[in-house]
Protein backbone atom coordinates (compact mmCIF):
# COMPACT_ATOMS: atom_id res chain seq x y z
CA UNK A 1 -6.49 14.17 1.18
CA UNK A 2 -4.32 13.29 4.17
CA UNK A 3 -3.22 9.65 4.51
CA UNK A 4 -0.49 9.79 7.17
CA UNK A 5 -0.85 10.38 10.92
CA UNK A 6 1.98 11.27 13.29
CA UNK A 7 2.75 9.17 16.38
CA UNK A 8 1.93 12.18 18.54
CA UNK A 9 -1.53 12.59 17.01
CA UNK A 10 -2.24 8.88 17.35
CA UNK A 11 -1.14 8.95 20.98
CA UNK A 12 -3.62 11.75 21.66
CA UNK A 13 -6.47 9.74 20.14
CA UNK A 14 -5.34 6.21 20.98
CA UNK A 15 -8.03 5.38 23.52
CA UNK A 16 -10.93 6.99 21.69
CA UNK A 17 -13.84 4.63 21.10
CA UNK A 18 -13.78 5.26 17.36
CA UNK A 19 -10.05 4.44 16.91
CA UNK A 20 -8.78 1.20 15.38
CA UNK A 21 -5.03 0.58 15.16
CA UNK A 22 -3.86 -2.16 12.80
CA UNK A 23 -0.49 -3.90 13.02
CA UNK A 24 0.33 -4.89 9.43
CA UNK A 25 3.93 -5.95 9.78
CA UNK A 26 5.18 -8.65 7.45
CA UNK A 27 8.09 -10.07 5.49
CA UNK A 28 7.85 -11.75 2.09
CA UNK A 29 10.73 -14.06 3.02
CA UNK A 30 9.22 -15.09 6.37
CA UNK A 31 5.43 -15.32 6.48
CA UNK A 32 5.47 -15.81 10.27
CA UNK A 33 7.40 -12.60 10.90
CA UNK A 34 4.44 -10.24 11.28
CA UNK A 35 2.50 -12.26 13.82
CA UNK A 36 5.68 -13.07 15.76
CA UNK A 37 6.52 -9.38 16.01
CA UNK A 38 2.95 -8.50 16.97
CA UNK A 39 2.86 -11.04 19.80
CA UNK A 40 6.20 -9.76 21.08
CA UNK A 41 5.00 -6.15 21.25
CA UNK A 42 2.56 -3.81 19.57
CA UNK A 43 0.91 -0.44 20.02
CA UNK A 44 -1.73 -0.66 22.78
CA UNK A 45 -5.09 -1.73 21.37
CA UNK A 46 -3.69 -2.73 17.98
CA UNK A 47 -5.14 -5.72 16.15
CA UNK A 48 -3.01 -7.87 13.86
CA UNK A 49 -3.97 -8.04 10.20
CA UNK A 50 -2.05 -10.53 8.07
CA UNK A 51 -1.10 -9.03 4.73
CA UNK A 52 -0.87 -12.36 2.96
CA UNK A 53 -4.09 -13.86 4.32
CA UNK A 54 -6.40 -10.89 4.80
CA UNK A 55 -5.18 -8.29 2.29
CA UNK A 56 -4.66 -10.58 -0.71
CA UNK A 57 -6.88 -12.95 -2.65
CA UNK A 58 -6.14 -16.47 -3.93
CA UNK A 59 -3.33 -16.64 -6.49
CA UNK A 60 -4.14 -17.83 -9.99
CA UNK A 61 -2.61 -17.91 -13.45
CA UNK A 62 -3.05 -14.15 -13.70
CA UNK A 63 -3.52 -11.40 -11.16
CA UNK A 64 -0.02 -11.34 -9.71
CA UNK A 65 1.39 -12.41 -6.38
CA UNK A 66 -1.05 -10.31 -4.35
CA UNK A 67 -4.43 -10.16 -6.10
CA UNK A 68 -7.17 -8.11 -4.50
CA UNK A 69 -9.13 -10.04 -1.90
CA UNK A 70 -12.88 -10.41 -2.24
CA UNK A 71 -13.93 -7.00 -0.97
CA UNK A 72 -17.07 -8.29 0.74
CA UNK A 73 -14.96 -10.79 2.68
CA UNK A 74 -12.42 -8.08 3.46
CA UNK A 75 -15.18 -5.84 4.82
CA UNK A 76 -16.46 -8.74 6.93
CA UNK A 77 -12.96 -9.31 8.33
CA UNK A 78 -12.66 -5.63 9.20
CA UNK A 79 -16.05 -5.86 10.89
CA UNK A 80 -14.77 -8.62 13.16
CA UNK A 81 -12.13 -6.12 14.23
CA UNK A 82 -14.76 -3.51 15.07
CA UNK A 83 -14.79 -1.31 11.96
CA UNK A 84 -17.77 1.03 11.68
CA UNK A 85 -18.49 3.91 9.32
CA UNK A 86 -17.26 6.27 12.06
CA UNK A 87 -14.01 4.46 12.82
CA UNK A 88 -10.61 6.04 12.23
CA UNK A 89 -8.10 3.38 11.18
CA UNK A 90 -4.35 3.87 11.63
CA UNK A 91 -2.06 1.15 10.28
CA UNK A 92 1.64 0.46 10.54
CA UNK A 93 4.00 -2.09 9.02
CA UNK A 94 4.82 -3.39 5.56
CA UNK A 95 1.19 -3.80 4.47
CA UNK A 96 -0.13 -0.60 6.08
CA UNK A 97 -0.56 1.37 2.85
CA UNK A 98 -2.18 -1.67 1.22
CA UNK A 99 -4.73 -1.77 4.06
CA UNK A 100 -5.50 1.93 3.60
CA UNK A 101 -6.08 1.39 -0.12
CA UNK A 102 -8.38 -1.58 0.49
CA UNK A 103 -10.36 0.43 3.02
CA UNK A 104 -10.75 3.13 0.38
CA UNK A 105 -12.00 0.49 -2.06
CA UNK A 106 -14.83 -0.47 0.31
CA UNK A 107 -15.74 3.18 0.76
CA UNK A 108 -13.90 3.87 4.03
CA UNK A 109 -11.78 7.02 3.68
CA UNK A 110 -10.94 7.68 7.33
CA UNK A 111 -7.77 5.59 7.18
CA UNK A 112 -4.11 6.49 7.71
CA UNK A 113 -0.60 5.08 7.73
CA UNK A 114 1.26 5.76 10.98
CA UNK A 115 4.09 8.05 9.90
CA UNK A 116 7.33 6.31 10.81
CA UNK A 117 5.47 3.08 11.65
CA UNK A 118 6.21 1.40 14.97
CA UNK A 119 9.82 2.57 14.79
CA UNK A 120 8.57 6.17 14.84
CA UNK A 121 6.25 5.33 17.71
CA UNK A 122 9.11 3.88 19.76
CA UNK A 123 11.39 6.72 18.73
CA UNK A 124 8.88 9.17 20.19
CA UNK A 125 9.18 7.35 23.53
CA UNK A 126 5.68 5.89 23.37
CA UNK A 127 4.76 2.59 24.96
CA UNK A 128 4.03 -0.84 23.51
CA UNK A 129 2.34 -3.87 25.04
CA UNK A 130 1.86 -7.60 24.66
CA UNK A 131 -1.75 -7.44 25.81
CA UNK A 132 -4.23 -8.55 23.14
CA UNK A 133 -7.21 -6.30 22.43
CA UNK A 134 -10.85 -7.25 22.84
CA UNK A 135 -12.76 -5.56 20.02
CA UNK A 136 -16.53 -5.65 19.67
CA UNK A 137 -17.43 -7.16 16.26
CA UNK A 138 -19.61 -5.19 13.86
CA UNK A 139 -21.27 -5.70 10.48
CA UNK A 140 -19.56 -3.27 8.16
CA UNK A 141 -21.54 -2.46 5.01
CA UNK A 142 -19.07 -1.82 2.17
CA UNK A 143 -19.73 0.63 -0.63
CA UNK A 144 -17.28 -0.57 -3.23
CA UNK A 145 -15.35 2.02 -5.25
CA UNK A 146 -12.83 0.57 -7.70
CA UNK A 147 -11.87 3.91 -9.24
CA UNK A 148 -8.45 3.79 -7.56
CA UNK A 149 -7.32 0.61 -9.31
CA UNK A 150 -6.76 -0.64 -12.86
CA UNK A 151 -6.23 -4.08 -14.37
CA UNK A 152 -3.94 -5.30 -17.14
CA UNK A 153 -6.46 -4.48 -19.88
CA UNK A 154 -6.59 -0.85 -18.78
CA UNK A 155 -2.80 -0.63 -18.70
CA UNK A 156 -2.60 -2.07 -22.21
CA UNK A 157 -5.16 0.46 -23.46
CA UNK A 158 -3.38 3.41 -21.84
CA UNK A 159 -0.08 2.27 -23.36
CA UNK A 160 -1.63 2.08 -26.79
CA UNK A 161 -3.09 5.59 -26.43
CA UNK A 162 0.03 6.96 -24.67
CA UNK A 163 -2.26 8.95 -22.38
CA UNK A 164 -0.97 7.84 -18.97
CA UNK A 165 2.28 7.84 -17.04
CA UNK A 166 3.34 4.39 -15.84
CA UNK A 167 5.29 4.83 -12.62
CA UNK A 168 7.41 1.83 -11.57
CA UNK A 169 8.33 2.14 -7.88
CA UNK A 170 10.70 -0.84 -7.58
CA UNK A 171 14.46 -0.50 -7.11
CA UNK A 172 16.46 0.81 -10.09
CA UNK A 173 18.17 -2.59 -10.41
CA UNK A 174 14.87 -4.43 -10.75
CA UNK A 175 13.51 -1.76 -13.10
CA UNK A 176 16.51 -2.14 -15.41
CA UNK A 177 16.28 -5.92 -15.25
CA UNK A 178 19.78 -6.22 -13.81
CA UNK A 179 18.41 -8.35 -10.97
CA UNK A 180 15.09 -10.04 -10.25
CA UNK A 181 14.92 -11.76 -6.88
CA UNK A 182 11.22 -12.66 -6.94
CA UNK A 183 9.53 -12.77 -10.34
CA UNK A 184 10.26 -15.07 -13.28
CA UNK A 185 11.03 -12.30 -15.77
CA UNK A 186 13.23 -9.24 -15.24
CA UNK A 187 12.62 -5.77 -16.60
CA UNK A 188 9.77 -3.27 -16.70
CA UNK A 189 6.70 -2.29 -18.69
CA UNK A 190 7.90 -0.42 -21.81
CA UNK A 191 7.45 3.33 -21.45
CA UNK A 192 7.40 3.29 -17.65
CA UNK A 193 9.54 5.63 -15.55
CA UNK A 194 11.24 4.64 -12.31
CA UNK A 195 10.89 6.45 -8.98
CA UNK A 196 11.59 4.01 -6.10
CA UNK A 197 8.91 4.20 -3.43
CA UNK A 198 11.46 4.59 -0.62
CA UNK A 199 12.36 8.07 -1.92
CA UNK A 200 9.08 9.36 -0.51
CA UNK A 201 10.40 8.73 3.01
CA UNK A 202 13.43 9.68 5.06
CA UNK A 203 15.78 7.27 6.83
CA UNK A 204 13.41 7.04 9.80
CA UNK A 205 10.50 6.00 7.52
CA UNK A 206 8.78 9.35 7.97
CA UNK A 207 7.10 10.98 4.99
CA UNK A 208 9.25 13.68 3.47
CA UNK A 209 7.99 17.29 3.43
CA UNK A 210 5.43 18.09 0.75
CA UNK A 211 7.85 20.38 -1.09
CA UNK A 212 10.35 17.51 -1.45
CA UNK A 213 7.72 15.07 -2.73
CA UNK A 214 6.42 17.64 -5.20
CA UNK A 215 9.96 18.20 -6.45
CA UNK A 216 10.58 14.44 -6.73
CA UNK A 217 7.73 14.02 -9.21
CA UNK A 218 7.77 17.45 -10.87
CA UNK A 219 9.23 16.26 -14.17
CA UNK A 220 6.70 13.42 -14.38
CA UNK A 221 3.57 15.39 -13.53
CA UNK A 222 4.16 18.44 -15.73
CA UNK A 223 2.07 17.12 -18.63
CA UNK A 224 -0.88 16.29 -16.34
CA UNK A 225 -1.26 12.73 -17.64
CA UNK A 226 -3.06 10.17 -15.53
CA UNK A 227 -0.61 8.35 -13.27
CA UNK A 228 -0.68 4.58 -12.81
CA UNK A 229 1.69 3.18 -10.20
CA UNK A 230 2.96 -0.37 -10.03
CA UNK A 231 5.58 -2.44 -8.23
CA UNK A 232 6.18 -6.18 -8.11
CA UNK A 233 2.77 -7.22 -6.80
CA UNK A 234 0.77 -4.17 -5.75
CA UNK A 235 1.95 -3.76 -2.14
CA UNK A 236 4.81 -1.23 -1.92
CA UNK A 237 3.33 0.87 -4.73
CA UNK A 238 0.48 1.77 -2.38
CA UNK A 239 3.02 3.87 -0.45
CA UNK A 240 3.68 5.98 -3.53
CA UNK A 241 -0.02 6.33 -4.26
CA UNK A 242 -0.61 7.70 -0.75
CA UNK A 243 2.48 9.94 -0.85
CA UNK A 244 1.26 11.49 -4.11
CA UNK A 245 -2.16 12.00 -2.54
CA UNK A 246 -0.50 14.04 0.23
CA UNK A 247 0.62 16.62 -2.34
CA UNK A 248 -2.64 16.66 -4.26
CA UNK A 249 -1.62 14.34 -7.10
CA UNK A 250 -4.12 11.63 -8.02
CA UNK A 251 -2.91 8.20 -9.07
CA UNK A 252 -4.31 4.73 -9.56
CA UNK A 253 -2.80 1.35 -8.72
CA UNK A 254 -2.16 -1.41 -11.23
CA UNK A 255 -3.07 -4.09 -8.72
CA UNK A 256 -1.38 -7.07 -10.33
CA UNK A 257 1.70 -4.99 -11.14
CA UNK A 258 4.81 -6.57 -12.69
CA UNK A 259 3.99 -10.12 -11.54
CA UNK A 260 0.67 -9.92 -13.39
CA UNK A 261 2.07 -8.16 -16.46
CA UNK A 262 4.56 -10.94 -17.17
CA UNK A 263 1.89 -13.64 -16.74
CA UNK A 264 0.40 -12.56 -20.09
CA UNK A 265 2.69 -13.94 -22.85
CA UNK A 266 1.85 -11.17 -25.35
CA UNK A 267 2.87 -8.31 -23.09
CA UNK A 268 6.17 -6.63 -24.05
CA UNK A 269 9.07 -6.30 -21.63
CA UNK A 270 11.78 -3.67 -21.58
CA UNK A 271 15.19 -3.71 -19.88
CA UNK A 272 17.79 -1.06 -19.21
CA UNK A 273 17.30 2.56 -18.22
CA UNK A 274 14.68 4.74 -19.89
């Protein structure tokens, strides 16, 4: 299943009635960054979707730093931006892959990440604007499908049975526990392997060729175990989930990820390399 669209393909379809472009830029250190960038310039027709407000639910004792939003409310929000069952969604920015996943969870599969994001768009010589779009609101009827995600209980069960591969996509330093700039505890889930999510992309943020991605995960997919991906809070790991999908490898997301795992006092923590 394809989850990335090139700037050239988007340009050719940009003004189609059934196209919705979503600007999902953001910065964990500056929550105003995304909207500021959007107002300065964006792809023509793009709407702004705030990753913190629209793509995450309220934080609690458990669930991590970016819990799933209420999917009915998420579907309603997408409806205000004109989503219909026949709409093709193309997203760019930090939360783009997260938006694609959430759309999948409400039953909408026609959703893509813009390959190379807005940098790739500009690099292709394509135009941007400051003009705000005027979308016609709709009532989108979600058909929830949670098969792509797992919670902490499922991860605990898979660890006990040793029947799944836990794929940690954070930096090697965070995986080893050498540094932890965000969460209260450093380290990783015992038994997990580390493949940083950035390795799926080249220096221009474009998805690497399928042969390279297949090679990157070859040693981890040989035994055909179920793959569960996680990061710090369930945002960047969506990039790995979609990259694996491009080469025909199914995976599920541990939504709460590391920030949820460490919120449960009985969960073990490992440090160092595997």
